[in-house]
Amino acid sequence: MSSLHGPNRGRPTPGHPRVERTRSHILAVARELLPEVGPAGLTYSLLAERAGVTRQTLYRHWPARAALLVDLILTGNSSGYPEPGSDPRAVATAWLTSLRGGLEDRATRAAVLAVTAQADVDPDSAQALVRIGADRLAAFNQLLAPSGLQVGAEEYTMLVGPLLARLFFDRAEVTTEFIDDVASGWLATLRCRYDHCE
């Protein structure tokens, strides 16, 4: 079967330098627009116009808007990304600090809220949340690998949940002290689970 009739018909070739430049440019424009117009206002028509591409180009890269928002979330602020380490507390603290930094970006924050808000009614958004969760859990476990500790989804949620609640529900600052307390409490809970303490 020719590539014109296969499952990737019309899809850009990942890894190709021109394709990656186009994706990066579109994501940069979307990152600028999202805080300005909000999730509902970030239409493919507006994004195509501002990025200087066609709507068809957008649909080739992101067939669903949720996929675009996921890419905005996962390609957010990369400054201060943690390093792998043998001390689980240090890794957890660095991870939470990095997460706080990433969510300080207004576009990333808006994208997270938009995908979450749509997940109950939009299957693409629901799948996007699963993808984000799996991606972040895998990345966190890679950082923990030198320590010999690996965590599951529930244990990961126990770590990041307080930070997300503080930002999105309390609408309060996530301080360094807060992060230290969360990391310490998380590690104590894990130790208790594995040591079967009461």
Protein backbone atom coordinates (compact mmCIF):
# COMPACT_ATOMS: atom_id res chain seq x y z
CA MET A 1 0.00 0.00 0.00
CA SER A 2 1.41 3.41 -0.84
CA SER A 3 2.07 5.96 1.88
CA LEU A 4 -0.77 8.06 0.48
CA HIS A 5 -3.23 5.45 1.72
CA GLY A 6 -1.50 4.38 4.95
CA PRO A 7 -2.26 5.53 8.48
CA ASN A 8 0.26 8.41 8.30
CA ARG A 9 -1.14 9.92 5.11
CA GLY A 10 -0.71 13.66 5.31
CA ARG A 11 1.04 13.47 8.68
CA PRO A 12 4.38 15.27 9.08
CA THR A 13 7.52 13.17 9.42
CA PRO A 14 8.65 13.36 13.08
CA GLY A 15 12.31 14.26 13.53
CA HIS A 16 12.64 16.00 10.18
CA PRO A 17 14.35 19.37 10.86
CA ARG A 18 11.80 21.40 8.87
CA VAL A 19 8.90 19.65 10.60
CA GLU A 20 10.46 20.24 14.03
CA ARG A 21 11.06 23.94 13.24
CA THR A 22 7.43 24.32 12.17
CA ARG A 23 6.15 22.55 15.30
CA SER A 24 8.40 24.63 17.55
CA HIS A 25 7.29 27.86 15.87
CA ILE A 26 3.60 26.98 16.17
CA LEU A 27 4.00 25.98 19.82
CA ALA A 28 5.82 29.26 20.56
CA VAL A 29 2.99 31.26 18.96
CA ALA A 30 0.37 29.20 20.82
CA ARG A 31 2.28 29.77 24.09
CA GLU A 32 2.11 33.55 23.48
CA LEU A 33 -1.55 33.49 22.47
CA LEU A 34 -3.00 31.24 25.17
CA PRO A 35 -2.65 33.66 28.11
CA GLU A 36 -3.96 36.47 25.89
CA VAL A 37 -7.08 34.77 24.48
CA GLY A 38 -7.66 31.88 26.89
CA PRO A 39 -8.24 28.24 25.96
CA ALA A 40 -11.60 28.87 24.26
CA GLY A 41 -10.12 31.67 22.17
CA LEU A 42 -7.17 29.62 20.96
CA THR A 43 -8.82 28.46 17.77
CA TYR A 44 -6.99 26.83 14.90
CA SER A 45 -8.06 29.74 12.68
CA LEU A 46 -6.43 32.31 14.97
CA LEU A 47 -3.35 30.19 15.59
CA ALA A 48 -2.86 29.52 11.87
CA GLU A 49 -3.17 33.23 11.10
CA ARG A 50 -0.73 34.31 13.80
CA ALA A 51 1.77 31.51 13.07
CA GLY A 52 1.64 32.09 9.32
CA VAL A 53 0.63 28.53 8.52
CA THR A 54 -2.53 26.91 7.20
CA ARG A 55 -5.15 25.26 9.40
CA GLN A 56 -4.37 22.09 7.48
CA THR A 57 -0.81 22.25 8.84
CA LEU A 58 -2.16 22.49 12.37
CA TYR A 59 -4.48 19.52 11.87
CA ARG A 60 -1.61 17.49 10.43
CA HIS A 61 0.45 18.06 13.56
CA TRP A 62 -2.41 18.00 16.07
CA PRO A 63 -5.59 16.33 14.78
CA ALA A 64 -7.32 17.28 18.05
CA ARG A 65 -6.91 20.50 20.00
CA ALA A 66 -6.24 18.46 23.16
CA ALA A 67 -3.07 17.13 21.49
CA LEU A 68 -1.85 20.69 20.92
CA LEU A 69 -2.51 21.55 24.57
CA VAL A 70 -0.67 18.41 25.70
CA ASP A 71 2.35 19.42 23.64
CA LEU A 72 2.21 22.88 25.21
CA ILE A 73 2.22 21.27 28.64
CA LEU A 74 4.96 18.73 27.95
CA THR A 75 7.23 21.17 26.12
CA GLY A 76 6.88 23.90 28.70
CA ASN A 77 9.58 25.64 30.64
CA SER A 78 12.59 23.32 30.72
CA SER A 79 14.79 25.47 32.94
CA GLY A 80 15.70 23.84 36.20
CA TYR A 81 14.82 20.32 35.09
CA PRO A 82 16.00 17.94 37.83
CA GLU A 83 18.88 15.52 37.54
CA PRO A 84 18.72 11.83 38.46
CA GLY A 85 19.90 11.15 41.98
CA SER A 86 20.41 8.55 44.66
CA ASP A 87 18.56 10.51 47.38
CA PRO A 88 14.78 10.14 46.87
CA ARG A 89 14.04 13.19 49.04
CA ALA A 90 16.37 15.40 46.99
CA VAL A 91 14.89 14.07 43.74
CA ALA A 92 11.32 14.64 44.98
CA THR A 93 12.17 18.17 46.15
CA ALA A 94 13.83 19.01 42.82
CA TRP A 95 10.86 17.52 40.92
CA LEU A 96 8.33 19.61 42.85
CA THR A 97 10.48 22.72 42.40
CA SER A 98 10.60 22.07 38.65
CA LEU A 99 6.85 21.44 38.54
CA ARG A 100 6.23 24.72 40.37
CA GLY A 101 8.47 26.51 37.86
CA GLY A 102 6.68 24.94 34.90
CA LEU A 103 3.27 25.92 36.23
CA GLU A 104 4.39 29.51 36.75
CA ASP A 105 4.23 29.76 32.95
CA ARG A 106 0.75 31.14 32.26
CA ALA A 107 0.33 29.22 29.00
CA THR A 108 1.22 25.89 30.60
CA ARG A 109 -1.09 26.60 33.51
CA ALA A 110 -3.97 27.52 31.16
CA ALA A 111 -3.36 24.41 29.06
CA VAL A 112 -3.42 22.15 32.15
CA LEU A 113 -6.68 23.70 33.33
CA ALA A 114 -8.26 23.49 29.85
CA VAL A 115 -7.41 19.82 29.34
CA THR A 116 -8.58 18.97 32.86
CA ALA A 117 -11.85 20.90 32.46
CA GLN A 118 -12.69 19.11 29.21
CA ALA A 119 -11.71 15.59 30.29
CA ASP A 120 -15.19 14.59 31.49
CA VAL A 121 -16.85 15.43 28.17
CA ASP A 122 -14.06 15.13 25.61
CA PRO A 123 -12.40 11.72 25.08
CA ASP A 124 -9.34 13.39 23.51
CA SER A 125 -8.82 15.48 26.63
CA ALA A 126 -9.33 12.44 28.86
CA GLN A 127 -6.69 10.56 26.86
CA ALA A 128 -4.45 13.60 27.04
CA LEU A 129 -4.57 13.57 30.84
CA VAL A 130 -3.65 9.89 30.85
CA ARG A 131 -0.75 10.63 28.49
CA ILE A 132 0.49 13.51 30.64
CA GLY A 133 0.26 11.43 33.81
CA ALA A 134 2.09 8.48 32.28
CA ASP A 135 4.77 10.74 30.79
CA ARG A 136 5.41 12.55 34.08
CA LEU A 137 5.43 9.31 36.11
CA ALA A 138 7.95 7.73 33.72
CA ALA A 139 10.14 10.84 33.82
CA PHE A 140 10.05 10.94 37.63
CA ASN A 141 10.94 7.25 37.88
CA GLN A 142 13.91 7.83 35.55
CA LEU A 143 15.16 10.47 37.95
CA LEU A 144 14.66 8.10 40.90
CA ALA A 145 16.40 5.16 39.17
CA PRO A 146 19.84 5.71 40.82
CA SER A 147 18.16 5.50 44.24
CA GLY A 148 16.65 2.11 43.47
CA LEU A 149 13.17 3.45 44.26
CA GLN A 150 10.38 3.30 41.69
CA VAL A 151 6.87 4.54 42.39
CA GLY A 152 3.44 3.82 40.99
CA ALA A 153 0.73 6.22 39.91
CA GLU A 154 -0.84 6.44 43.38
CA GLU A 155 2.47 7.25 45.04
CA TYR A 156 3.24 9.84 42.38
CA THR A 157 -0.15 11.48 42.92
CA MET A 158 0.56 11.60 46.66
CA LEU A 159 3.68 13.64 45.84
CA VAL A 160 2.33 16.12 43.29
CA GLY A 161 -1.25 16.35 44.56
CA PRO A 162 -0.54 18.81 47.38
CA LEU A 163 1.35 21.15 45.04
CA LEU A 164 -1.48 21.10 42.47
CA ALA A 165 -4.09 21.67 45.19
CA ARG A 166 -2.08 24.59 46.56
CA LEU A 167 -1.82 26.22 43.12
CA PHE A 168 -5.25 25.50 41.65
CA PHE A 169 -7.59 25.32 44.64
CA ASP A 170 -5.93 27.38 47.36
CA ARG A 171 -4.62 29.84 44.72
CA ALA A 172 -1.65 30.30 47.04
CA GLU A 173 2.08 30.51 46.58
CA VAL A 174 4.06 27.29 46.63
CA THR A 175 7.01 28.17 48.81
CA THR A 176 10.27 26.30 49.19
CA GLU A 177 9.19 25.41 52.73
CA PHE A 178 5.93 23.97 51.41
CA ILE A 179 7.84 21.85 48.89
CA ASP A 180 10.22 20.63 51.61
CA ASP A 181 7.29 19.67 53.85
CA VAL A 182 5.51 17.83 51.02
CA ALA A 183 8.66 15.91 50.03
CA SER A 184 9.40 14.96 53.66
CA GLY A 185 5.82 13.85 54.30
CA TRP A 186 5.72 11.88 51.05
CA LEU A 187 8.93 10.05 51.83
CA ALA A 188 7.76 9.28 55.39
CA THR A 189 4.53 7.83 53.97
CA LEU A 190 6.46 5.68 51.49
CA ARG A 191 8.78 4.40 54.20
CA CYS A 192 5.78 3.56 56.36
CA ARG A 193 4.12 1.72 53.47
CA TYR A 194 7.18 -0.36 52.71
CA ASP A 195 8.06 -0.99 56.34
CA HIS A 196 4.41 -1.82 57.14
CA CYS A 197 4.23 0.59 60.05
CA GLU A 198 0.90 1.47 61.62
